[in-house]
Protein backbone atom coordinates (compact mmCIF):
# COMPACT_ATOMS: atom_id res chain seq x y z
CA UNK A 1 -1.70 0.24 -3.41
CA UNK A 2 0.80 -1.98 -1.65
CA UNK A 3 -1.94 -3.66 0.39
CA UNK A 4 -4.47 -4.26 -2.41
CA UNK A 5 -3.00 -7.59 -3.45
CA UNK A 6 -2.44 -9.04 0.04
CA UNK A 7 -5.90 -7.94 1.20
CA UNK A 8 -7.52 -9.37 -1.92
CA UNK A 9 -5.69 -12.66 -1.53
CA UNK A 10 -6.53 -12.90 2.16
CA UNK A 11 -10.21 -12.12 1.56
CA UNK A 12 -10.35 -15.06 -0.88
CA UNK A 13 -8.37 -17.32 1.43
CA UNK A 14 -9.98 -16.35 4.76
CA UNK A 15 -13.09 -14.16 4.57
CA UNK A 16 -14.04 -10.62 3.62
CA UNK A 17 -15.24 -9.92 7.15
CA UNK A 18 -11.97 -10.93 8.80
CA UNK A 19 -9.92 -8.84 6.35
CA UNK A 20 -12.13 -5.77 6.92
CA UNK A 21 -11.80 -6.19 10.69
CA UNK A 22 -8.01 -6.47 10.40
CA UNK A 23 -7.88 -3.44 8.08
CA UNK A 24 -9.97 -1.43 10.53
CA UNK A 25 -7.61 -2.38 13.35
CA UNK A 26 -4.64 -1.25 11.23
CA UNK A 27 -6.37 2.07 10.55
CA UNK A 28 -7.07 2.56 14.26
CA UNK A 29 -3.41 1.93 15.08
CA UNK A 30 -2.33 4.37 12.38
CA UNK A 31 -4.71 7.03 13.66
CA UNK A 32 -3.43 6.55 17.19
CA UNK A 33 0.08 6.97 15.81
CA UNK A 34 -1.08 10.26 14.28
CA UNK A 35 -1.90 11.55 17.74
CA UNK A 36 1.51 10.54 19.09
CA UNK A 37 3.55 11.83 16.14
CA UNK A 38 6.15 14.40 17.19
CA UNK A 39 8.11 14.67 13.95
CA UNK A 40 7.43 14.75 10.22
CA UNK A 41 8.92 11.25 9.90
CA UNK A 42 6.55 9.85 12.50
CA UNK A 43 3.63 11.59 10.82
CA UNK A 44 4.64 10.08 7.47
CA UNK A 45 4.92 6.63 9.01
CA UNK A 46 1.49 6.98 10.62
CA UNK A 47 0.05 8.06 7.27
CA UNK A 48 1.58 4.99 5.64
CA UNK A 49 -0.06 2.72 8.23
CA UNK A 50 -3.45 4.39 7.76
CA UNK A 51 -3.09 4.11 3.99
CA UNK A 52 -2.17 0.45 4.26
CA UNK A 53 -5.27 -0.19 6.36
CA UNK A 54 -7.55 1.71 4.00
CA UNK A 55 -6.64 -0.33 0.92
CA UNK A 56 -9.83 -2.34 1.02
CA UNK A 57 -11.39 -1.31 -2.29
CA UNK A 58 -10.87 -4.73 -3.87
CA UNK A 59 -12.11 -6.47 -0.74
CA UNK A 60 -15.30 -4.39 -0.68
CA UNK A 61 -16.01 -5.01 -4.35
CA UNK A 62 -15.47 -8.77 -4.27
CA UNK A 63 -18.81 -9.61 -2.58
CA UNK A 64 -20.63 -7.49 -5.17
CA UNK A 65 -18.90 -9.39 -7.97
CA UNK A 66 -19.90 -12.69 -6.37
CA UNK A 67 -23.51 -11.77 -5.56
CA UNK A 68 -24.61 -9.80 -8.63
CA UNK A 69 -25.24 -11.42 -12.02
CA UNK A 70 -22.71 -10.45 -14.69
CA UNK A 71 -25.22 -8.38 -16.68
CA UNK A 72 -25.98 -6.16 -13.64
CA UNK A 73 -22.45 -5.68 -12.30
CA UNK A 74 -21.63 -2.45 -14.12
CA UNK A 75 -24.61 -0.67 -12.61
CA UNK A 76 -23.92 -2.01 -9.14
CA UNK A 77 -20.24 -1.05 -9.29
CA UNK A 78 -21.23 2.43 -10.49
CA UNK A 79 -23.63 2.74 -7.55
CA UNK A 80 -20.97 1.53 -5.09
CA UNK A 81 -18.38 3.93 -6.51
CA UNK A 82 -20.82 6.85 -6.43
CA UNK A 83 -21.61 6.23 -2.76
CA UNK A 84 -17.92 6.00 -1.95
CA UNK A 85 -17.08 9.28 -3.64
CA UNK A 86 -20.10 11.07 -2.15
CA UNK A 87 -18.70 9.99 1.21
CA UNK A 88 -15.30 11.41 0.28
CA UNK A 89 -16.93 14.70 -0.74
CA UNK A 90 -19.38 15.11 2.15
CA UNK A 91 -17.55 13.70 5.17
CA UNK A 92 -14.75 16.31 5.30
CA UNK A 93 -17.36 19.07 5.42
CA UNK A 94 -19.26 17.31 8.19
CA UNK A 95 -16.08 16.83 10.21
CA UNK A 96 -14.94 20.42 9.59
CA UNK A 97 -18.33 21.74 10.64
CA UNK A 98 -18.21 19.72 13.86
CA UNK A 99 -14.65 20.71 14.70
CA UNK A 100 -15.27 24.35 13.94
CA UNK A 101 -18.34 24.42 16.12
CA UNK A 102 -17.37 22.29 19.12
CA UNK A 103 -13.59 22.17 19.00
CA UNK A 104 -11.37 19.27 18.12
CA UNK A 105 -12.69 17.00 20.89
CA UNK A 106 -16.38 17.80 20.56
CA UNK A 107 -16.47 19.69 23.86
């Protein structure tokens, strides 16, 4: 939640694409920090960085608000939200299935 406002402001000031690229880079750094974490504090810090990078909900919804007429926005936001939450529900099972079958590194 800390990054929603800065990311939203930057996407209006710069571009949505540049903010999403920067947020992805922050997430990658946070995930790399996960792998190097040797203490609970380091793990918490890595989680904070990943969470900061994943705060792109407002940035992802801004192009929809700009491109879709006002009368159609509710339906489009519902569709976008449904896809997002299906991803949240399905992806962990896909990852778990892959890790359980091939090991953590896919070998």
